[in-house]
PDB file of N, CA and C in Angstrom:
ATOM      1  N   MET A   1       0.823  -1.190   0.000  1.00  0.00           N
ATOM      2  CA  MET A   1       0.000   0.000   0.000  1.00  0.00           C
ATOM      3  C   MET A   1       0.868   1.256   0.000  1.00  0.00           C
ATOM      4  N   ILE A   2       1.911   1.273   0.832  1.00  0.00           N
ATOM      5  CA  ILE A   2       2.761   2.449   0.912  1.00  0.00           C
ATOM      6  C   ILE A   2       3.525   2.646  -0.395  1.00  0.00           C
ATOM      7  N   THR A   3       3.970   1.569  -1.016  1.00  0.00           N
ATOM      8  CA  THR A   3       4.670   1.718  -2.291  1.00  0.00           C
ATOM      9  C   THR A   3       3.734   2.254  -3.366  1.00  0.00           C
ATOM     10  N   PHE A   4       2.467   1.858  -3.320  1.00  0.00           N
ATOM     11  CA  PHE A   4       1.487   2.385  -4.267  1.00  0.00           C
ATOM     12  C   PHE A   4       1.320   3.886  -4.081  1.00  0.00           C
ATOM     13  N   ILE A   5       1.239   4.329  -2.829  1.00  0.00           N
ATOM     14  CA  ILE A   5       1.078   5.757  -2.541  1.00  0.00           C
ATOM     15  C   ILE A   5       2.321   6.516  -2.986  1.00  0.00           C
ATOM     16  N   MET A   6       3.501   5.957  -2.714  1.00  0.00           N
ATOM     17  CA  MET A   6       4.735   6.625  -3.117  1.00  0.00           C
ATOM     18  C   MET A   6       4.845   6.701  -4.642  1.00  0.00           C
ATOM     19  N   ASN A   7       4.396   5.667  -5.350  1.00  0.00           N
ATOM     20  CA  ASN A   7       4.432   5.698  -6.816  1.00  0.00           C
ATOM     21  C   ASN A   7       3.428   6.682  -7.389  1.00  0.00           C
ATOM     22  N   MET A   8       2.365   6.936  -6.666  1.00  0.00           N
ATOM     23  CA  MET A   8       1.333   7.855  -7.135  1.00  0.00           C
ATOM     24  C   MET A   8       1.598   9.290  -6.668  1.00  0.00           C
ATOM     25  N   GLY A   9       2.776   9.572  -6.184  1.00  0.00           N
ATOM     26  CA  GLY A   9       3.081  10.922  -5.712  1.00  0.00           C
ATOM     27  C   GLY A   9       2.855  11.049  -4.228  1.00  0.00           C
ATOM     28  N   GLY A  10       3.194  10.044  -3.488  1.00  0.00           N
ATOM     29  CA  GLY A  10       2.975  10.045  -2.048  1.00  0.00           C
ATOM     30  C   GLY A  10       3.751  11.113  -1.321  1.00  0.00           C
ATOM     31  N   SER A  11       4.851  11.561  -1.895  1.00  0.00           N
ATOM     32  CA  SER A  11       5.613  12.617  -1.235  1.00  0.00           C
ATOM     33  C   SER A  11       4.790  13.903  -1.175  1.00  0.00           C
ATOM     34  N   PHE A  12       4.001  14.165  -2.203  1.00  0.00           N
ATOM     35  CA  PHE A  12       3.114  15.330  -2.166  1.00  0.00           C
ATOM     36  C   PHE A  12       2.056  15.168  -1.087  1.00  0.00           C
ATOM     37  N   LEU A  13       1.582  13.953  -0.897  1.00  0.00           N
ATOM     38  CA  LEU A  13       0.596  13.676   0.142  1.00  0.00           C
ATOM     39  C   LEU A  13       1.201  13.912   1.513  1.00  0.00           C
ATOM     40  N   ILE A  14       2.408  13.450   1.727  1.00  0.00           N
ATOM     41  CA  ILE A  14       3.067  13.626   3.017  1.00  0.00           C
ATOM     42  C   ILE A  14       3.318  15.101   3.298  1.00  0.00           C
ATOM     43  N   PHE A  15       3.850  15.827   2.302  1.00  0.00           N
ATOM     44  CA  PHE A  15       4.085  17.266   2.488  1.00  0.00           C
ATOM     45  C   PHE A  15       2.772  18.021   2.683  1.00  0.00           C
ATOM     46  N   GLY A  16       1.733  17.594   2.008  1.00  0.00           N
ATOM     47  CA  GLY A  16       0.426  18.218   2.180  1.00  0.00           C
ATOM     48  C   GLY A  16      -0.116  18.023   3.580  1.00  0.00           C
ATOM     49  N   LEU A  17       0.037  16.832   4.122  1.00  0.00           N
ATOM     50  CA  LEU A  17      -0.420  16.567   5.485  1.00  0.00           C
ATOM     51  C   LEU A  17       0.409  17.343   6.503  1.00  0.00           C
ATOM     52  N   LEU A  18       1.712  17.408   6.297  1.00  0.00           N
ATOM     53  CA  LEU A  18       2.561  18.187   7.201  1.00  0.00           C
ATOM     54  C   LEU A  18       2.203  19.662   7.158  1.00  0.00           C
ATOM     55  N   TYR A  19       1.930  20.176   5.959  1.00  0.00           N
ATOM     56  CA  TYR A  19       1.537  21.573   5.832  1.00  0.00           C
ATOM     57  C   TYR A  19       0.188  21.822   6.511  1.00  0.00           C
ATOM     58  N   LEU A  20      -0.752  20.900   6.359  1.00  0.00           N
ATOM     59  CA  LEU A  20      -2.059  21.046   6.998  1.00  0.00           C
ATOM     60  C   LEU A  20      -1.920  21.071   8.518  1.00  0.00           C
ATOM     61  N   ILE A  21      -1.081  20.213   9.054  1.00  0.00           N
ATOM     62  CA  ILE A  21      -0.854  20.197  10.503  1.00  0.00           C
ATOM     63  C   ILE A  21      -0.230  21.516  10.953  1.00  0.00           C
ATOM     64  N   LEU A  22       0.752  22.024  10.203  1.00  0.00           N
ATOM     65  CA  LEU A  22       1.379  23.306  10.532  1.00  0.00           C
ATOM     66  C   LEU A  22       0.363  24.438  10.465  1.00  0.00           C
ATOM     67  N   TRP A  23      -0.469  24.442   9.444  1.00  0.00           N
ATOM     68  CA  TRP A  23      -1.476  25.492   9.259  1.00  0.00           C
ATOM     69  C   TRP A  23      -2.478  25.494  10.417  1.00  0.00           C
ATOM     70  N   ILE A  24      -2.951  24.308  10.800  1.00  0.00           N
ATOM     71  CA  ILE A  24      -3.913  24.196  11.908  1.00  0.00           C
ATOM     72  C   ILE A  24      -3.257  24.608  13.219  1.00  0.00           C
ATOM     73  N   TYR A  25      -2.010  24.190  13.444  1.00  0.00           N
ATOM     74  CA  TYR A  25      -1.300  24.576  14.662  1.00  0.00           C
ATOM     75  C   TYR A  25      -1.205  26.096  14.765  1.00  0.00           C
ATOM     76  N   CYS A  26      -0.804  26.754  13.700  1.00  0.00           N
ATOM     77  CA  CYS A  26      -0.657  28.213  13.715  1.00  0.00           C
ATOM     78  C   CYS A  26      -1.999  28.898  13.939  1.00  0.00           C
ATOM     79  N   LEU A  27      -3.033  28.432  13.285  1.00  0.00           N
ATOM     80  CA  LEU A  27      -4.355  29.042  13.429  1.00  0.00           C
ATOM     81  C   LEU A  27      -4.873  28.903  14.858  1.00  0.00           C
ATOM     82  N   VAL A  28      -4.730  27.731  15.441  1.00  0.00           N
ATOM     83  CA  VAL A  28      -5.176  27.511  16.821  1.00  0.00           C
ATOM     84  C   VAL A  28      -4.346  28.346  17.784  1.00  0.00           C
ATOM     85  N   ASP A  29      -3.041  28.436  17.548  1.00  0.00           N
ATOM     86  CA  ASP A  29      -2.179  29.236  18.408  1.00  0.00           C
ATOM     87  C   ASP A  29      -2.553  30.713  18.347  1.00  0.00           C
ATOM     88  N   ILE A  30      -2.883  31.198  17.173  1.00  0.00           N
ATOM     89  CA  ILE A  30      -3.303  32.596  17.041  1.00  0.00           C
ATOM     90  C   ILE A  30      -4.601  32.839  17.802  1.00  0.00           C
ATOM     91  N   ILE A  31      -5.552  31.949  17.658  1.00  0.00           N
ATOM     92  CA  ILE A  31      -6.857  32.135  18.291  1.00  0.00           C
ATOM     93  C   ILE A  31      -6.748  32.069  19.812  1.00  0.00           C
ATOM     94  N   ARG A  32      -5.899  31.200  20.330  1.00  0.00           N
ATOM     95  CA  ARG A  32      -5.784  31.030  21.777  1.00  0.00           C
ATOM     96  C   ARG A  32      -4.899  32.065  22.447  1.00  0.00           C
ATOM     97  N   SER A  33      -4.115  32.824  21.710  1.00  0.00           N
ATOM     98  CA  SER A  33      -3.135  33.737  22.288  1.00  0.00           C
ATOM     99  C   SER A  33      -3.681  35.144  22.419  1.00  0.00           C
ATOM    100  N   ASP A  34      -3.088  35.872  23.350  1.00  0.00           N
ATOM    101  CA  ASP A  34      -3.361  37.298  23.505  1.00  0.00           C
ATOM    102  C   ASP A  34      -2.183  38.072  22.936  1.00  0.00           C
ATOM    103  N   PHE A  35      -2.500  39.083  22.155  1.00  0.00           N
ATOM    104  CA  PHE A  35      -1.472  39.889  21.525  1.00  0.00           C
ATOM    105  C   PHE A  35      -1.412  41.256  22.177  1.00  0.00           C
ATOM    106  N   LYS A  36      -0.268  41.924  22.040  1.00  0.00           N
ATOM    107  CA  LYS A  36      -0.105  43.273  22.583  1.00  0.00           C
ATOM    108  C   LYS A  36      -1.101  44.230  21.945  1.00  0.00           C
ATOM    109  N   ASP A  37      -1.300  44.099  20.661  1.00  0.00           N
ATOM    110  CA  ASP A  37      -2.289  44.885  19.924  1.00  0.00           C
ATOM    111  C   ASP A  37      -3.397  43.930  19.487  1.00  0.00           C
ATOM    112  N   GLN A  38      -4.624  44.214  19.840  1.00  0.00           N
ATOM    113  CA  GLN A  38      -5.730  43.299  19.549  1.00  0.00           C
ATOM    114  C   GLN A  38      -5.979  43.117  18.054  1.00  0.00           C
ATOM    115  N   ASN A  39      -5.602  44.095  17.252  1.00  0.00           N
ATOM    116  CA  ASN A  39      -5.770  43.968  15.805  1.00  0.00           C
ATOM    117  C   ASN A  39      -4.810  42.954  15.201  1.00  0.00           C
ATOM    118  N   MET A  40      -3.724  42.651  15.901  1.00  0.00           N
ATOM    119  CA  MET A  40      -2.741  41.695  15.383  1.00  0.00           C
ATOM    120  C   MET A  40      -3.322  40.298  15.230  1.00  0.00           C
ATOM    121  N   LYS A  41      -4.270  39.937  16.077  1.00  0.00           N
ATOM    122  CA  LYS A  41      -4.891  38.621  15.959  1.00  0.00           C
ATOM    123  C   LYS A  41      -5.611  38.498  14.620  1.00  0.00           C
ATOM    124  N   LEU A  42      -6.390  39.505  14.262  1.00  0.00           N
ATOM    125  CA  LEU A  42      -7.094  39.513  12.984  1.00  0.00           C
ATOM    126  C   LEU A  42      -6.109  39.556  11.819  1.00  0.00           C
ATOM    127  N   ILE A  43      -5.069  40.360  11.952  1.00  0.00           N
ATOM    128  CA  ILE A  43      -4.076  40.460  10.880  1.00  0.00           C
ATOM    129  C   ILE A  43      -3.389  39.127  10.654  1.00  0.00           C
ATOM    130  N   TRP A  44      -2.993  38.437  11.733  1.00  0.00           N
ATOM    131  CA  TRP A  44      -2.325  37.141  11.571  1.00  0.00           C
ATOM    132  C   TRP A  44      -3.252  36.085  10.995  1.00  0.00           C
ATOM    133  N   VAL A  45      -4.525  36.097  11.388  1.00  0.00           N
ATOM    134  CA  VAL A  45      -5.478  35.141  10.806  1.00  0.00           C
ATOM    135  C   VAL A  45      -5.602  35.389   9.302  1.00  0.00           C
ATOM    136  N   LEU A  46      -5.695  36.641   8.892  1.00  0.00           N
ATOM    137  CA  LEU A  46      -5.787  36.956   7.466  1.00  0.00           C
ATOM    138  C   LEU A  46      -4.517  36.560   6.720  1.00  0.00           C
ATOM    139  N   ILE A  47      -3.362  36.775   7.344  1.00  0.00           N
ATOM    140  CA  ILE A  47      -2.107  36.366   6.706  1.00  0.00           C
ATOM    141  C   ILE A  47      -2.068  34.852   6.542  1.00  0.00           C
ATOM    142  N   ILE A  48      -2.474  34.119   7.559  1.00  0.00           N
ATOM    143  CA  ILE A  48      -2.484  32.651   7.486  1.00  0.00           C
ATOM    144  C   ILE A  48      -3.438  32.174   6.397  1.00  0.00           C
ATOM    145  N   LEU A  49      -4.587  32.824   6.277  1.00  0.00           N
ATOM    146  CA  LEU A  49      -5.585  32.388   5.296  1.00  0.00           C
ATOM    147  C   LEU A  49      -5.187  32.731   3.857  1.00  0.00           C
ATOM    148  N   PHE A  50      -4.594  33.912   3.641  1.00  0.00           N
ATOM    149  CA  PHE A  50      -4.363  34.360   2.270  1.00  0.00           C
ATOM    150  C   PHE A  50      -2.938  34.148   1.765  1.00  0.00           C
ATOM    151  N   ALA A  51      -1.976  34.078   2.646  1.00  0.00           N
ATOM    152  CA  ALA A  51      -0.599  33.787   2.239  1.00  0.00           C
ATOM    153  C   ALA A  51      -0.337  32.323   2.555  1.00  0.00           C
ATOM    154  N   GLN A  52      -0.858  31.474   1.725  1.00  0.00           N
ATOM    155  CA  GLN A  52      -0.928  30.052   2.019  1.00  0.00           C
ATOM    156  C   GLN A  52       0.406  29.417   2.388  1.00  0.00           C
ATOM    157  N   VAL A  53       1.431  29.645   1.642  1.00  0.00           N
ATOM    158  CA  VAL A  53       2.696  28.963   1.908  1.00  0.00           C
ATOM    159  C   VAL A  53       3.528  29.731   2.924  1.00  0.00           C
ATOM    160  N   LEU A  54       3.630  31.030   2.750  1.00  0.00           N
ATOM    161  CA  LEU A  54       4.493  31.824   3.610  1.00  0.00           C
ATOM    162  C   LEU A  54       3.838  32.276   4.905  1.00  0.00           C
ATOM    163  N   GLY A  55       2.526  32.257   4.981  1.00  0.00           N
ATOM    164  CA  GLY A  55       1.822  32.737   6.166  1.00  0.00           C
ATOM    165  C   GLY A  55       2.191  32.005   7.447  1.00  0.00           C
ATOM    166  N   PRO A  56       2.053  30.673   7.489  1.00  0.00           N
ATOM    167  CA  PRO A  56       2.419  29.963   8.718  1.00  0.00           C
ATOM    168  C   PRO A  56       3.895  30.089   9.079  1.00  0.00           C
ATOM    169  N   ILE A  57       4.751  30.115   8.072  1.00  0.00           N
ATOM    170  CA  ILE A  57       6.185  30.246   8.333  1.00  0.00           C
ATOM    171  C   ILE A  57       6.488  31.633   8.889  1.00  0.00           C
ATOM    172  N   ALA A  58       5.862  32.658   8.316  1.00  0.00           N
ATOM    173  CA  ALA A  58       6.055  34.024   8.810  1.00  0.00           C
ATOM    174  C   ALA A  58       5.538  34.151  10.235  1.00  0.00           C
ATOM    175  N   TYR A  59       4.419  33.511  10.539  1.00  0.00           N
ATOM    176  CA  TYR A  59       3.885  33.581  11.898  1.00  0.00           C
ATOM    177  C   TYR A  59       4.834  32.919  12.892  1.00  0.00           C
ATOM    178  N   LEU A  60       5.376  31.773  12.536  1.00  0.00           N
ATOM    179  CA  LEU A  60       6.287  31.093  13.453  1.00  0.00           C
ATOM    180  C   LEU A  60       7.551  31.922  13.699  1.00  0.00           C
ATOM    181  N   ILE A  61       7.994  32.663  12.701  1.00  0.00           N
ATOM    182  CA  ILE A  61       9.207  33.460  12.857  1.00  0.00           C
ATOM    183  C   ILE A  61       8.914  34.807  13.523  1.00  0.00           C
ATOM    184  N   LEU A  62       7.867  35.494  13.075  1.00  0.00           N
ATOM    185  CA  LEU A  62       7.623  36.874  13.508  1.00  0.00           C
ATOM    186  C   LEU A  62       6.508  37.021  14.539  1.00  0.00           C
ATOM    187  N   GLY A  63       5.547  36.132  14.521  1.00  0.00           N
ATOM    188  CA  GLY A  63       4.356  36.319  15.345  1.00  0.00           C
ATOM    189  C   GLY A  63       4.555  36.106  16.821  1.00  0.00           C
ATOM    190  N   LYS A  64       5.500  35.300  17.195  1.00  0.00           N
ATOM    191  CA  LYS A  64       5.710  35.006  18.610  1.00  0.00           C
ATOM    192  C   LYS A  64       6.167  36.219  19.393  1.00  0.00           C
ATOM    193  N   ASN A  65       6.813  37.182  18.720  1.00  0.00           N
ATOM    194  CA  ASN A  65       7.305  38.370  19.400  1.00  0.00           C
ATOM    195  C   ASN A  65       6.189  39.355  19.740  1.00  0.00           C
ATOM    196  N   SER A  66       5.062  39.280  19.081  1.00  0.00           N
ATOM    197  CA  SER A  66       3.987  40.245  19.311  1.00  0.00           C
ATOM    198  C   SER A  66       2.934  39.726  20.279  1.00  0.00           C
ATOM    199  N   LYS A  67       3.205  38.603  20.934  1.00  0.00           N
ATOM    200  CA  LYS A  67       2.246  38.021  21.864  1.00  0.00           C
ATOM    201  C   LYS A  67       2.537  38.445  23.297  1.00  0.00           C
ATOM    202  N   ILE A  68       1.451  38.528  24.099  1.00  0.00           N
ATOM    203  CA  ILE A  68       1.601  38.802  25.520  1.00  0.00           C
ATOM    204  C   ILE A  68       1.974  37.513  26.243  1.00  0.00           C
ATOM    205  N   ASN A  69       1.236  36.463  25.936  1.00  0.00           N
ATOM    206  CA  ASN A  69       1.489  35.179  26.578  1.00  0.00           C
ATOM    207  C   ASN A  69       1.357  34.056  25.565  1.00  0.00           C
ATOM    208  N   ALA A  70       1.943  32.942  25.877  1.00  0.00           N
ATOM    209  CA  ALA A  70       1.858  31.757  25.025  1.00  0.00           C
ATOM    210  C   ALA A  70       1.339  30.600  25.859  1.00  0.00           C
ATOM    211  N   TYR A  71       0.462  29.810  25.281  1.00  0.00           N
ATOM    212  CA  TYR A  71      -0.091  28.650  26.018  1.00  0.00           C
ATOM    213  C   TYR A  71       0.739  27.445  25.810  1.00  0.00           C
TER     214      TYR A  71
END
């Protein structure tokens, strides 16, 4: 079964699942966190939604600095 998936482009499936997990993690972290500026929560959600590839990566690098607390 795994060889069939790998022959059918399973690497794309694996990267897609990893990206989905990263995207969900970032979205949940944004929703659960308090930011110094309340508008930053909305801005980060919009960045995550519209900047599909770079949004979660940018949040992990830049977004943690604008939070009051982390869960």
